[in-house]
């Protein structure tokens, strides 16, 4: 296997991993957004779900340009379990604080996935796109965490 082919496979693995994680995140934000009582948080979560879908689309486009057309549309096992746990908490009456706690735990996984991807040897344009997405992910994580903390203080 040539070095270029190895780099290409490394990039494809990194992007596929991010796409799976973003799918989890997109579904998680939508699911939790549906259960939140606070209208401002609900709107934020639903908008963030759409943002994750957009990020996925950008990464899938890179794979398409790279000749990969069979992109698996499945999330991760951890993401599925996190969503089920959040759904269960909502049904048991956990309230917005508990839902934000679940969301923040899910976002920790997304942060890790982006950090892992940026540890790979990626072409500069791909690295820049992932870094830009990561900056948004970190801001969203902090937003969720600060609102979770504010609800805990009440």
N, C-alpha and C. Protein backbone atom coordinates (compact mmCIF):
# COMPACT_ATOMS: atom_id res chain seq x y z
N UNK A 1 0.86 -1.17 0.00
CA UNK A 1 0.00 0.00 0.00
C UNK A 1 0.90 1.24 0.00
N UNK A 2 0.61 2.16 -0.90
CA UNK A 2 1.42 3.37 -0.97
C UNK A 2 1.07 4.31 0.18
N UNK A 3 1.94 5.26 0.40
CA UNK A 3 1.71 6.23 1.47
C UNK A 3 0.45 7.05 1.21
N UNK A 4 0.23 7.44 -0.06
CA UNK A 4 -0.97 8.21 -0.39
C UNK A 4 -2.23 7.42 -0.10
N UNK A 5 -2.22 6.14 -0.42
CA UNK A 5 -3.39 5.29 -0.16
C UNK A 5 -3.61 5.16 1.35
N UNK A 6 -2.52 5.03 2.10
CA UNK A 6 -2.62 4.96 3.56
C UNK A 6 -3.21 6.23 4.15
N UNK A 7 -2.76 7.38 3.66
CA UNK A 7 -3.30 8.66 4.13
C UNK A 7 -4.77 8.79 3.76
N UNK A 8 -5.13 8.32 2.57
CA UNK A 8 -6.51 8.40 2.12
C UNK A 8 -7.41 7.54 3.03
N UNK A 9 -6.95 6.32 3.35
CA UNK A 9 -7.73 5.45 4.24
C UNK A 9 -7.83 6.06 5.64
N UNK A 10 -6.75 6.65 6.11
CA UNK A 10 -6.75 7.30 7.43
C UNK A 10 -7.78 8.42 7.46
N UNK A 11 -7.82 9.23 6.40
CA UNK A 11 -8.78 10.33 6.33
C UNK A 11 -10.21 9.77 6.27
N UNK A 12 -10.42 8.73 5.47
CA UNK A 12 -11.75 8.15 5.35
C UNK A 12 -12.23 7.58 6.68
N UNK A 13 -11.34 6.90 7.39
CA UNK A 13 -11.70 6.36 8.72
C UNK A 13 -12.07 7.49 9.67
N UNK A 14 -11.25 8.54 9.68
CA UNK A 14 -11.51 9.68 10.58
C UNK A 14 -12.85 10.34 10.26
N UNK A 15 -13.12 10.54 8.98
CA UNK A 15 -14.37 11.19 8.59
C UNK A 15 -15.57 10.29 8.87
N UNK A 16 -15.45 9.01 8.59
CA UNK A 16 -16.57 8.09 8.89
C UNK A 16 -16.88 8.06 10.38
N UNK A 17 -15.84 8.09 11.20
CA UNK A 17 -16.04 8.11 12.65
C UNK A 17 -16.77 9.39 13.07
N UNK A 18 -16.34 10.52 12.53
CA UNK A 18 -17.01 11.79 12.85
C UNK A 18 -18.46 11.79 12.37
N UNK A 19 -18.69 11.26 11.18
CA UNK A 19 -20.05 11.22 10.63
C UNK A 19 -20.96 10.40 11.55
N UNK A 20 -20.50 9.25 12.03
CA UNK A 20 -21.29 8.43 12.95
C UNK A 20 -21.58 9.18 14.25
N UNK A 21 -20.56 9.85 14.77
CA UNK A 21 -20.72 10.61 16.01
C UNK A 21 -21.69 11.77 15.82
N UNK A 22 -21.58 12.46 14.68
CA UNK A 22 -22.48 13.57 14.40
C UNK A 22 -23.92 13.09 14.22
N UNK A 23 -24.09 11.91 13.66
CA UNK A 23 -25.44 11.36 13.54
C UNK A 23 -26.05 11.16 14.92
N UNK A 24 -25.25 10.60 15.84
CA UNK A 24 -25.71 10.45 17.23
C UNK A 24 -26.06 11.80 17.83
N UNK A 25 -25.18 12.76 17.63
CA UNK A 25 -25.36 14.08 18.21
C UNK A 25 -26.61 14.76 17.64
N UNK A 26 -26.79 14.64 16.33
CA UNK A 26 -27.96 15.22 15.68
C UNK A 26 -29.25 14.63 16.27
N UNK A 27 -29.29 13.30 16.39
CA UNK A 27 -30.48 12.65 16.94
C UNK A 27 -30.65 13.00 18.42
N UNK A 28 -29.54 13.05 19.15
CA UNK A 28 -29.60 13.37 20.57
C UNK A 28 -30.15 14.76 20.82
N UNK A 29 -29.65 15.75 20.05
CA UNK A 29 -30.16 17.12 20.22
C UNK A 29 -31.65 17.19 19.88
N UNK A 30 -32.07 16.50 18.82
CA UNK A 30 -33.49 16.52 18.45
C UNK A 30 -34.34 15.85 19.53
N UNK A 31 -33.90 14.67 20.00
CA UNK A 31 -34.66 13.94 21.02
C UNK A 31 -34.78 14.74 22.31
N UNK A 32 -33.66 15.25 22.78
CA UNK A 32 -33.68 16.01 24.04
C UNK A 32 -34.46 17.31 23.85
N UNK A 33 -34.27 17.96 22.70
CA UNK A 33 -35.02 19.18 22.41
C UNK A 33 -36.52 18.96 22.49
N UNK A 34 -36.98 17.79 22.04
CA UNK A 34 -38.41 17.47 22.10
C UNK A 34 -38.92 17.38 23.53
N UNK A 35 -38.05 17.00 24.46
CA UNK A 35 -38.46 16.80 25.86
C UNK A 35 -38.25 18.03 26.74
N UNK A 36 -37.44 18.99 26.30
CA UNK A 36 -37.15 20.16 27.13
C UNK A 36 -38.41 21.02 27.31
N UNK A 37 -38.55 21.58 28.49
CA UNK A 37 -39.70 22.45 28.77
C UNK A 37 -39.39 23.92 28.44
N UNK A 38 -38.16 24.35 28.65
CA UNK A 38 -37.76 25.72 28.39
C UNK A 38 -37.73 25.96 26.86
N UNK A 39 -38.54 26.94 26.40
CA UNK A 39 -38.66 27.18 24.96
C UNK A 39 -37.36 27.63 24.31
N UNK A 40 -36.58 28.45 25.01
CA UNK A 40 -35.31 28.92 24.45
C UNK A 40 -34.34 27.75 24.26
N UNK A 41 -34.24 26.89 25.26
CA UNK A 41 -33.39 25.71 25.15
C UNK A 41 -33.90 24.76 24.07
N UNK A 42 -35.21 24.60 24.01
CA UNK A 42 -35.81 23.73 23.00
C UNK A 42 -35.41 24.20 21.60
N UNK A 43 -35.54 25.51 21.33
CA UNK A 43 -35.17 26.07 20.02
C UNK A 43 -33.69 25.88 19.75
N UNK A 44 -32.85 26.11 20.78
CA UNK A 44 -31.41 25.94 20.63
C UNK A 44 -31.07 24.50 20.25
N UNK A 45 -31.68 23.55 20.95
CA UNK A 45 -31.39 22.13 20.70
C UNK A 45 -31.83 21.71 19.30
N UNK A 46 -32.97 22.19 18.86
CA UNK A 46 -33.43 21.82 17.53
C UNK A 46 -32.55 22.47 16.45
N UNK A 47 -32.12 23.70 16.67
CA UNK A 47 -31.21 24.36 15.73
C UNK A 47 -29.86 23.65 15.71
N UNK A 48 -29.41 23.22 16.86
CA UNK A 48 -28.12 22.52 16.96
C UNK A 48 -28.20 21.17 16.26
N UNK A 49 -29.34 20.51 16.33
CA UNK A 49 -29.53 19.26 15.61
C UNK A 49 -29.34 19.48 14.11
N UNK A 50 -29.92 20.56 13.60
CA UNK A 50 -29.77 20.89 12.17
C UNK A 50 -28.32 21.21 11.83
N UNK A 51 -27.62 21.87 12.75
CA UNK A 51 -26.21 22.20 12.54
C UNK A 51 -25.38 20.93 12.41
N UNK A 52 -25.67 19.94 13.25
CA UNK A 52 -24.93 18.66 13.19
C UNK A 52 -25.19 17.98 11.86
N UNK A 53 -26.43 18.06 11.36
CA UNK A 53 -26.75 17.48 10.05
C UNK A 53 -25.94 18.18 8.95
N UNK A 54 -25.80 19.49 9.08
CA UNK A 54 -25.02 20.26 8.11
C UNK A 54 -23.54 19.85 8.17
N UNK A 55 -23.00 19.70 9.37
CA UNK A 55 -21.61 19.26 9.53
C UNK A 55 -21.41 17.89 8.88
N UNK A 56 -22.36 16.98 9.10
CA UNK A 56 -22.28 15.65 8.49
C UNK A 56 -22.25 15.76 6.98
N UNK A 57 -23.12 16.61 6.45
CA UNK A 57 -23.17 16.81 4.99
C UNK A 57 -21.84 17.31 4.44
N UNK A 58 -21.21 18.23 5.15
CA UNK A 58 -19.90 18.75 4.71
C UNK A 58 -18.86 17.64 4.67
N UNK A 59 -18.85 16.78 5.70
CA UNK A 59 -17.87 15.69 5.76
C UNK A 59 -18.18 14.62 4.70
N UNK A 60 -19.46 14.35 4.50
CA UNK A 60 -19.84 13.37 3.47
C UNK A 60 -19.44 13.88 2.09
N UNK A 61 -19.54 15.18 1.87
CA UNK A 61 -19.15 15.76 0.58
C UNK A 61 -17.66 15.53 0.31
N UNK A 62 -16.84 15.65 1.34
CA UNK A 62 -15.40 15.38 1.18
C UNK A 62 -15.19 13.93 0.75
N UNK A 63 -15.91 13.01 1.40
CA UNK A 63 -15.78 11.60 1.04
C UNK A 63 -16.25 11.35 -0.40
N UNK A 64 -17.35 12.00 -0.79
CA UNK A 64 -17.83 11.86 -2.16
C UNK A 64 -16.78 12.34 -3.15
N UNK A 65 -16.17 13.49 -2.86
CA UNK A 65 -15.12 14.03 -3.74
C UNK A 65 -13.92 13.09 -3.78
N UNK A 66 -13.73 12.33 -2.73
CA UNK A 66 -12.61 11.39 -2.63
C UNK A 66 -12.96 10.04 -3.26
N UNK A 67 -14.17 9.92 -3.83
CA UNK A 67 -14.56 8.69 -4.51
C UNK A 67 -15.32 7.71 -3.64
N UNK A 68 -15.62 8.07 -2.40
CA UNK A 68 -16.38 7.18 -1.51
C UNK A 68 -17.86 7.55 -1.64
N UNK A 69 -18.66 6.61 -2.12
CA UNK A 69 -20.08 6.90 -2.31
C UNK A 69 -20.98 6.06 -1.42
N UNK A 70 -20.42 5.05 -0.78
CA UNK A 70 -21.20 4.18 0.10
C UNK A 70 -20.88 4.54 1.55
N UNK A 71 -21.57 5.57 2.04
CA UNK A 71 -21.32 6.06 3.41
C UNK A 71 -22.39 5.47 4.33
N UNK A 72 -21.93 4.75 5.34
CA UNK A 72 -22.87 4.15 6.30
C UNK A 72 -23.55 5.25 7.11
N UNK A 73 -24.85 5.15 7.19
CA UNK A 73 -25.61 6.11 7.99
C UNK A 73 -26.04 5.45 9.29
N UNK A 74 -25.07 5.14 10.13
CA UNK A 74 -25.41 4.57 11.43
C UNK A 74 -24.59 5.26 12.50
N UNK A 75 -25.19 5.41 13.64
CA UNK A 75 -24.49 6.05 14.75
C UNK A 75 -23.62 5.05 15.49
N UNK A 76 -23.19 5.44 16.65
CA UNK A 76 -22.35 4.59 17.48
C UNK A 76 -23.20 3.92 18.55
N UNK A 77 -22.71 2.84 19.10
CA UNK A 77 -23.42 2.15 20.18
C UNK A 77 -23.55 3.06 21.39
N UNK A 78 -22.48 3.77 21.72
CA UNK A 78 -22.51 4.67 22.88
C UNK A 78 -23.56 5.76 22.69
N UNK A 79 -23.66 6.29 21.48
CA UNK A 79 -24.64 7.33 21.20
C UNK A 79 -26.06 6.83 21.34
N UNK A 80 -26.30 5.62 20.87
CA UNK A 80 -27.63 5.03 20.98
C UNK A 80 -27.99 4.83 22.45
N UNK A 81 -27.06 4.31 23.22
CA UNK A 81 -27.31 4.11 24.65
C UNK A 81 -27.57 5.44 25.37
N UNK A 82 -26.81 6.49 25.00
CA UNK A 82 -26.99 7.80 25.61
C UNK A 82 -28.38 8.34 25.32
N UNK A 83 -28.85 8.17 24.07
CA UNK A 83 -30.19 8.65 23.72
C UNK A 83 -31.27 7.88 24.48
N UNK A 84 -31.12 6.57 24.58
CA UNK A 84 -32.10 5.75 25.31
C UNK A 84 -32.14 6.19 26.77
N UNK A 85 -30.96 6.43 27.34
CA UNK A 85 -30.87 6.87 28.74
C UNK A 85 -31.55 8.22 28.91
N UNK A 86 -31.33 9.16 27.98
CA UNK A 86 -31.96 10.47 28.05
C UNK A 86 -33.47 10.37 27.93
N UNK A 87 -33.93 9.50 27.04
CA UNK A 87 -35.36 9.29 26.85
C UNK A 87 -35.99 8.72 28.12
N UNK A 88 -35.31 7.76 28.73
CA UNK A 88 -35.79 7.16 29.97
C UNK A 88 -35.87 8.20 31.09
N UNK A 89 -34.83 9.04 31.20
CA UNK A 89 -34.83 10.08 32.23
C UNK A 89 -35.99 11.04 32.02
N UNK A 90 -36.26 11.40 30.76
CA UNK A 90 -37.36 12.32 30.47
C UNK A 90 -38.70 11.69 30.87
N UNK A 91 -38.86 10.42 30.56
CA UNK A 91 -40.11 9.73 30.88
C UNK A 91 -40.29 9.58 32.38
N UNK A 92 -39.18 9.50 33.11
CA UNK A 92 -39.25 9.38 34.57
C UNK A 92 -39.36 10.75 35.25
N UNK A 93 -39.45 11.80 34.45
CA UNK A 93 -39.65 13.14 35.00
C UNK A 93 -38.38 13.80 35.49
N UNK A 94 -37.26 13.53 34.83
CA UNK A 94 -35.98 14.10 35.23
C UNK A 94 -35.90 15.61 35.08
N UNK A 95 -36.68 16.19 34.20
CA UNK A 95 -36.68 17.63 34.01
C UNK A 95 -35.52 18.10 33.15
N UNK A 96 -35.51 19.41 32.89
CA UNK A 96 -34.52 20.00 32.00
C UNK A 96 -33.09 19.81 32.48
N UNK A 97 -32.85 19.92 33.79
CA UNK A 97 -31.48 19.77 34.31
C UNK A 97 -30.94 18.38 33.96
N UNK A 98 -31.73 17.36 34.19
CA UNK A 98 -31.31 15.98 33.91
C UNK A 98 -31.07 15.79 32.41
N UNK A 99 -31.94 16.37 31.58
CA UNK A 99 -31.76 16.27 30.13
C UNK A 99 -30.49 16.98 29.69
N UNK A 100 -30.21 18.14 30.27
CA UNK A 100 -28.98 18.86 29.92
C UNK A 100 -27.75 18.08 30.37
N UNK A 101 -27.86 17.39 31.49
CA UNK A 101 -26.77 16.53 31.97
C UNK A 101 -26.47 15.43 30.95
N UNK A 102 -27.53 14.81 30.44
CA UNK A 102 -27.39 13.76 29.44
C UNK A 102 -26.78 14.33 28.16
N UNK A 103 -27.25 15.51 27.75
CA UNK A 103 -26.72 16.14 26.53
C UNK A 103 -25.24 16.45 26.69
N UNK A 104 -24.87 16.94 27.85
CA UNK A 104 -23.46 17.30 28.08
C UNK A 104 -22.58 16.06 28.04
N UNK A 105 -23.06 14.95 28.57
CA UNK A 105 -22.30 13.70 28.51
C UNK A 105 -22.13 13.27 27.06
N UNK A 106 -23.17 13.40 26.27
CA UNK A 106 -23.08 13.07 24.85
C UNK A 106 -22.10 13.98 24.13
N UNK A 107 -22.10 15.25 24.50
CA UNK A 107 -21.19 16.20 23.86
C UNK A 107 -19.73 15.93 24.22
N UNK A 108 -19.51 15.33 25.39
CA UNK A 108 -18.14 14.92 25.74
C UNK A 108 -17.62 13.92 24.71
N UNK A 109 -18.50 13.01 24.26
CA UNK A 109 -18.11 12.03 23.24
C UNK A 109 -17.81 12.71 21.91
N UNK A 110 -18.60 13.72 21.56
CA UNK A 110 -18.39 14.44 20.31
C UNK A 110 -17.06 15.18 20.36
N UNK A 111 -16.78 15.82 21.50
CA UNK A 111 -15.49 16.53 21.66
C UNK A 111 -14.33 15.56 21.47
N UNK A 112 -14.45 14.37 22.06
CA UNK A 112 -13.39 13.36 21.95
C UNK A 112 -13.22 12.92 20.50
N UNK A 113 -14.33 12.73 19.79
CA UNK A 113 -14.26 12.29 18.39
C UNK A 113 -13.54 13.33 17.53
N UNK A 114 -13.81 14.61 17.79
CA UNK A 114 -13.13 15.66 17.02
C UNK A 114 -11.64 15.71 17.37
N UNK A 115 -11.31 15.58 18.65
CA UNK A 115 -9.90 15.58 19.05
C UNK A 115 -9.18 14.39 18.41
N UNK A 116 -9.82 13.22 18.40
CA UNK A 116 -9.23 12.04 17.78
C UNK A 116 -9.00 12.26 16.29
N UNK A 117 -9.99 12.85 15.61
CA UNK A 117 -9.86 13.10 14.17
C UNK A 117 -8.69 14.04 13.88
N UNK A 118 -8.55 15.06 14.72
CA UNK A 118 -7.47 16.03 14.49
C UNK A 118 -6.10 15.46 14.84
N UNK A 119 -6.06 14.32 15.52
CA UNK A 119 -4.79 13.63 15.78
C UNK A 119 -4.29 12.88 14.55
N UNK A 120 -5.17 12.73 13.55
CA UNK A 120 -4.82 11.99 12.33
C UNK A 120 -4.05 12.89 11.37
N UNK A 121 -3.37 12.26 10.44
CA UNK A 121 -2.62 12.97 9.41
C UNK A 121 -3.59 13.30 8.27
N UNK A 122 -4.21 14.47 8.32
CA UNK A 122 -5.24 14.86 7.36
C UNK A 122 -4.74 15.96 6.44
N UNK A 123 -5.27 16.00 5.20
CA UNK A 123 -4.93 17.11 4.31
C UNK A 123 -5.38 18.44 4.94
N UNK A 124 -4.64 19.49 4.66
CA UNK A 124 -4.90 20.79 5.30
C UNK A 124 -6.34 21.28 5.16
N UNK A 125 -6.96 21.24 3.96
CA UNK A 125 -8.34 21.73 3.87
C UNK A 125 -9.31 20.94 4.75
N UNK A 126 -9.10 19.63 4.85
CA UNK A 126 -9.95 18.78 5.68
C UNK A 126 -9.71 19.11 7.16
N UNK A 127 -8.45 19.26 7.52
CA UNK A 127 -8.09 19.61 8.90
C UNK A 127 -8.73 20.95 9.29
N UNK A 128 -8.70 21.92 8.37
CA UNK A 128 -9.28 23.24 8.66
C UNK A 128 -10.79 23.14 8.87
N UNK A 129 -11.47 22.38 8.02
CA UNK A 129 -12.91 22.21 8.17
C UNK A 129 -13.24 21.55 9.51
N UNK A 130 -12.51 20.50 9.85
CA UNK A 130 -12.76 19.80 11.12
C UNK A 130 -12.47 20.72 12.31
N UNK A 131 -11.42 21.52 12.21
CA UNK A 131 -11.10 22.46 13.30
C UNK A 131 -12.20 23.51 13.46
N UNK A 132 -12.75 23.99 12.34
CA UNK A 132 -13.85 24.96 12.41
C UNK A 132 -15.09 24.32 13.05
N UNK A 133 -15.39 23.10 12.65
CA UNK A 133 -16.53 22.40 13.25
C UNK A 133 -16.28 22.17 14.74
N UNK A 134 -15.04 21.79 15.07
CA UNK A 134 -14.69 21.54 16.47
C UNK A 134 -14.90 22.79 17.32
N UNK A 135 -14.55 23.96 16.79
CA UNK A 135 -14.73 25.21 17.54
C UNK A 135 -16.21 25.40 17.88
N UNK A 136 -17.09 25.11 16.92
CA UNK A 136 -18.52 25.22 17.18
C UNK A 136 -18.97 24.19 18.22
N UNK A 137 -18.46 22.97 18.09
CA UNK A 137 -18.80 21.89 19.03
C UNK A 137 -18.42 22.29 20.46
N UNK A 138 -17.24 22.86 20.62
CA UNK A 138 -16.78 23.28 21.96
C UNK A 138 -17.67 24.38 22.52
N UNK A 139 -18.07 25.32 21.68
CA UNK A 139 -18.96 26.40 22.12
C UNK A 139 -20.32 25.84 22.53
N UNK A 140 -20.85 24.90 21.74
CA UNK A 140 -22.14 24.28 22.06
C UNK A 140 -22.05 23.50 23.37
N UNK A 141 -20.95 22.78 23.56
CA UNK A 141 -20.76 22.03 24.80
C UNK A 141 -20.79 22.99 25.99
N UNK A 142 -20.08 24.10 25.89
CA UNK A 142 -20.03 25.08 26.99
C UNK A 142 -21.41 25.69 27.25
N UNK A 143 -22.18 25.93 26.17
CA UNK A 143 -23.52 26.48 26.31
C UNK A 143 -24.40 25.51 27.10
N UNK A 144 -24.37 24.24 26.70
CA UNK A 144 -25.18 23.22 27.38
C UNK A 144 -24.75 23.09 28.84
N UNK A 145 -23.44 23.06 29.06
CA UNK A 145 -22.90 22.90 30.41
C UNK A 145 -23.29 24.09 31.31
N UNK A 146 -23.19 25.31 30.78
CA UNK A 146 -23.52 26.49 31.59
C UNK A 146 -25.02 26.52 31.93
N UNK A 147 -25.87 26.11 31.00
CA UNK A 147 -27.30 26.05 31.30
C UNK A 147 -27.63 24.92 32.28
N UNK A 148 -26.91 23.82 32.17
CA UNK A 148 -27.09 22.73 33.13
C UNK A 148 -26.71 23.22 34.53
N UNK A 149 -25.55 23.89 34.62
CA UNK A 149 -25.09 24.40 35.92
C UNK A 149 -26.06 25.44 36.49
N UNK A 150 -26.61 26.29 35.63
CA UNK A 150 -27.56 27.32 36.08
C UNK A 150 -28.82 26.67 36.64
N UNK A 151 -29.28 25.59 36.00
CA UNK A 151 -30.47 24.90 36.51
C UNK A 151 -30.17 24.18 37.81
N UNK A 152 -28.95 23.71 37.97
CA UNK A 152 -28.58 23.02 39.22
C UNK A 152 -28.56 23.99 40.38
N UNK A 153 -28.23 25.25 40.09
CA UNK A 153 -28.11 26.26 41.16
C UNK A 153 -29.47 26.74 41.64
N UNK A 154 -30.53 26.47 40.86
CA UNK A 154 -31.87 26.94 41.25
C UNK A 154 -32.44 26.16 42.39
